[in-house]
Amino acid sequence: MPARFVPRQRVGALGVVLDDRGRVLLAEHVFRPRYPWGLSGGWLRRHEHPASVIERELHEETGLHVEVAQLLLAEPHGPHSGRGTAPGLSIVYRCRVRPDGAPTPVAWELLGVA
């Protein structure tokens, strides 16, 4: 009988966080030396909703509490995209900052936020 399995596909969620002036929050990531500045987010855990990932990761990384507002993009990533990452899916949401947090880099994987 042939082996049956599902290939591992990583799913990441990213947040486009806008403030009241329309500025986008960017994070300087330790593990992205070629392009360190980018959106915050993380990998989904088993049975986790992508919006929950963004809320969790943004709070862990920056101290901010965000409200996930709208799905913006879902796009495959991986070797075929030219980005050199493992095959998977990136999900991007538009977010708003809730008033109960201030941006302070708290995660070791960030060098800064702006």
C-alpha atoms as a PDB file:
ATOM      1  CA  MET A   1       0.000   0.000   0.000  1.00  0.00           C
ATOM      2  CA  PRO A   2       1.447   3.416  -0.927  1.00  0.00           C
ATOM      3  CA  ALA A   3       2.223   5.815   1.917  1.00  0.00           C
ATOM      4  CA  ARG A   4      -0.277   8.617   2.304  1.00  0.00           C
ATOM      5  CA  PHE A   5       0.736  11.876   3.849  1.00  0.00           C
ATOM      6  CA  VAL A   6       0.112  15.580   3.620  1.00  0.00           C
ATOM      7  CA  PRO A   7       3.235  17.612   2.853  1.00  0.00           C
ATOM      8  CA  ARG A   8       4.070  20.216   5.488  1.00  0.00           C
ATOM      9  CA  GLN A   9       2.969  23.677   4.470  1.00  0.00           C
ATOM     10  CA  ARG A  10       3.730  26.585   6.787  1.00  0.00           C
ATOM     11  CA  VAL A  11       1.053  29.245   7.139  1.00  0.00           C
ATOM     12  CA  GLY A  12       2.062  32.695   8.285  1.00  0.00           C
ATOM     13  CA  ALA A  13      -0.091  35.670   9.212  1.00  0.00           C
ATOM     14  CA  LEU A  14       1.083  39.271   8.887  1.00  0.00           C
ATOM     15  CA  GLY A  15      -0.514  42.520   9.993  1.00  0.00           C
ATOM     16  CA  VAL A  16      -0.574  45.832   8.151  1.00  0.00           C
ATOM     17  CA  VAL A  17      -1.021  47.988  11.244  1.00  0.00           C
ATOM     18  CA  LEU A  18      -2.187  51.537  10.552  1.00  0.00           C
ATOM     19  CA  ASP A  19      -2.334  54.400  13.015  1.00  0.00           C
ATOM     20  CA  ASP A  20      -4.767  57.341  12.940  1.00  0.00           C
ATOM     21  CA  ARG A  21      -2.497  59.188  10.496  1.00  0.00           C
ATOM     22  CA  GLY A  22      -2.353  56.271   8.036  1.00  0.00           C
ATOM     23  CA  ARG A  23       1.246  55.317   8.861  1.00  0.00           C
ATOM     24  CA  VAL A  24       2.229  51.621   8.650  1.00  0.00           C
ATOM     25  CA  LEU A  25       4.036  49.951  11.547  1.00  0.00           C
ATOM     26  CA  LEU A  26       7.243  48.226  10.445  1.00  0.00           C
ATOM     27  CA  ALA A  27       9.562  46.028  12.475  1.00  0.00           C
ATOM     28  CA  GLU A  28      13.298  45.511  12.037  1.00  0.00           C
ATOM     29  CA  HIS A  29      13.725  41.727  12.242  1.00  0.00           C
ATOM     30  CA  VAL A  30      16.892  39.994  13.495  1.00  0.00           C
ATOM     31  CA  PHE A  31      16.520  36.973  11.204  1.00  0.00           C
ATOM     32  CA  ARG A  32      16.029  38.900   7.955  1.00  0.00           C
ATOM     33  CA  PRO A  33      19.471  40.394   7.333  1.00  0.00           C
ATOM     34  CA  ARG A  34      18.912  40.950   3.623  1.00  0.00           C
ATOM     35  CA  TYR A  35      15.620  42.844   4.099  1.00  0.00           C
ATOM     36  CA  PRO A  36      15.298  43.471   7.857  1.00  0.00           C
ATOM     37  CA  TRP A  37      12.344  45.893   7.817  1.00  0.00           C
ATOM     38  CA  GLY A  38       8.879  44.426   7.271  1.00  0.00           C
ATOM     39  CA  LEU A  39       5.473  43.631   8.675  1.00  0.00           C
ATOM     40  CA  SER A  40       5.020  41.902  12.016  1.00  0.00           C
ATOM     41  CA  GLY A  41       3.384  38.522  12.320  1.00  0.00           C
ATOM     42  CA  GLY A  42       4.155  34.886  12.844  1.00  0.00           C
ATOM     43  CA  TRP A  43       3.475  31.251  12.034  1.00  0.00           C
ATOM     44  CA  LEU A  44       0.137  29.661  12.861  1.00  0.00           C
ATOM     45  CA  ARG A  45       0.057  27.099  15.621  1.00  0.00           C
ATOM     46  CA  ARG A  46      -2.114  24.008  15.295  1.00  0.00           C
ATOM     47  CA  HIS A  47      -5.841  24.955  15.183  1.00  0.00           C
ATOM     48  CA  GLU A  48      -5.069  28.688  15.501  1.00  0.00           C
ATOM     49  CA  HIS A  49      -6.981  31.304  13.496  1.00  0.00           C
ATOM     50  CA  PRO A  50      -4.736  33.665  11.477  1.00  0.00           C
ATOM     51  CA  ALA A  51      -6.256  36.744  13.137  1.00  0.00           C
ATOM     52  CA  SER A  52      -5.333  35.335  16.550  1.00  0.00           C
ATOM     53  CA  VAL A  53      -1.736  34.917  15.384  1.00  0.00           C
ATOM     54  CA  ILE A  54      -1.513  38.598  14.504  1.00  0.00           C
ATOM     55  CA  GLU A  55      -3.030  39.722  17.792  1.00  0.00           C
ATOM     56  CA  ARG A  56      -0.666  37.443  19.749  1.00  0.00           C
ATOM     57  CA  GLU A  57       2.486  38.202  17.787  1.00  0.00           C
ATOM     58  CA  LEU A  58       1.990  41.969  17.668  1.00  0.00           C
ATOM     59  CA  HIS A  59       1.494  42.072  21.414  1.00  0.00           C
ATOM     60  CA  GLU A  60       4.512  39.812  22.074  1.00  0.00           C
ATOM     61  CA  GLU A  61       6.768  41.680  19.654  1.00  0.00           C
ATOM     62  CA  THR A  62       5.744  45.307  20.185  1.00  0.00           C
ATOM     63  CA  GLY A  63       3.498  45.597  23.242  1.00  0.00           C
ATOM     64  CA  LEU A  64       0.617  46.764  21.038  1.00  0.00           C
ATOM     65  CA  HIS A  65      -2.922  45.455  21.174  1.00  0.00           C
ATOM     66  CA  VAL A  66      -4.453  45.410  17.700  1.00  0.00           C
ATOM     67  CA  GLU A  67      -7.873  44.850  16.213  1.00  0.00           C
ATOM     68  CA  VAL A  68      -7.841  42.760  13.020  1.00  0.00           C
ATOM     69  CA  ALA A  69     -10.083  44.539  10.548  1.00  0.00           C
ATOM     70  CA  GLN A  70      -9.915  43.068   7.040  1.00  0.00           C
ATOM     71  CA  LEU A  71      -8.261  40.312   5.024  1.00  0.00           C
ATOM     72  CA  LEU A  72      -6.008  41.951   2.423  1.00  0.00           C
ATOM     73  CA  LEU A  73      -4.105  39.123   0.776  1.00  0.00           C
ATOM     74  CA  ALA A  74      -3.478  35.392   0.813  1.00  0.00           C
ATOM     75  CA  GLU A  75      -0.515  34.365  -1.315  1.00  0.00           C
ATOM     76  CA  PRO A  76       1.674  31.257  -1.633  1.00  0.00           C
ATOM     77  CA  HIS A  77       5.304  31.600  -0.592  1.00  0.00           C
ATOM     78  CA  GLY A  78       8.227  29.302  -1.045  1.00  0.00           C
ATOM     79  CA  PRO A  79      11.047  28.457  -3.423  1.00  0.00           C
ATOM     80  CA  HIS A  80       8.831  29.168  -6.460  1.00  0.00           C
ATOM     81  CA  SER A  81       8.341  32.779  -5.247  1.00  0.00           C
ATOM     82  CA  GLY A  82      12.069  33.530  -5.311  1.00  0.00           C
ATOM     83  CA  ARG A  83      12.059  34.310  -1.585  1.00  0.00           C
ATOM     84  CA  GLY A  84      13.912  31.167  -0.504  1.00  0.00           C
ATOM     85  CA  THR A  85      11.342  30.170   2.096  1.00  0.00           C
ATOM     86  CA  ALA A  86       9.688  26.815   2.727  1.00  0.00           C
ATOM     87  CA  PRO A  87       6.461  26.197   0.794  1.00  0.00           C
ATOM     88  CA  GLY A  88       3.377  27.608   2.433  1.00  0.00           C
ATOM     89  CA  LEU A  89       0.859  30.421   2.551  1.00  0.00           C
ATOM     90  CA  SER A  90       1.083  34.018   3.774  1.00  0.00           C
ATOM     91  CA  ILE A  91      -2.117  35.681   4.988  1.00  0.00           C
ATOM     92  CA  VAL A  92      -2.126  39.464   5.414  1.00  0.00           C
ATOM     93  CA  TYR A  93      -4.711  41.488   7.364  1.00  0.00           C
ATOM     94  CA  ARG A  94      -5.285  45.218   7.843  1.00  0.00           C
ATOM     95  CA  CYS A  95      -5.215  46.078  11.550  1.00  0.00           C
ATOM     96  CA  ARG A  96      -5.880  49.036  13.827  1.00  0.00           C
ATOM     97  CA  VAL A  97      -4.059  49.822  17.045  1.00  0.00           C
ATOM     98  CA  ARG A  98      -6.262  49.629  20.114  1.00  0.00           C
ATOM     99  CA  PRO A  99      -5.673  52.371  22.672  1.00  0.00           C
ATOM    100  CA  ASP A 100      -4.454  50.000  25.407  1.00  0.00           C
ATOM    101  CA  GLY A 101      -0.858  49.599  24.244  1.00  0.00           C
ATOM    102  CA  ALA A 102       2.206  51.589  23.240  1.00  0.00           C
ATOM    103  CA  PRO A 103       4.887  50.415  20.794  1.00  0.00           C
ATOM    104  CA  THR A 104       7.840  49.128  22.770  1.00  0.00           C
ATOM    105  CA  PRO A 105      10.041  46.396  21.273  1.00  0.00           C
ATOM    106  CA  VAL A 106       9.931  43.538  23.729  1.00  0.00           C
ATOM    107  CA  ALA A 107      10.790  40.551  21.565  1.00  0.00           C
ATOM    108  CA  TRP A 108      14.358  39.382  21.145  1.00  0.00           C
ATOM    109  CA  GLU A 109      13.764  38.775  17.420  1.00  0.00           C
ATOM    110  CA  LEU A 110      13.257  42.509  16.753  1.00  0.00           C
ATOM    111  CA  LEU A 111      15.861  45.238  16.636  1.00  0.00           C
ATOM    112  CA  GLY A 112      13.261  48.008  16.559  1.00  0.00           C
ATOM    113  CA  VAL A 113       9.895  49.256  15.356  1.00  0.00           C
ATOM    114  CA  ALA A 114       8.960  52.432  13.480  1.00  0.00           C
END
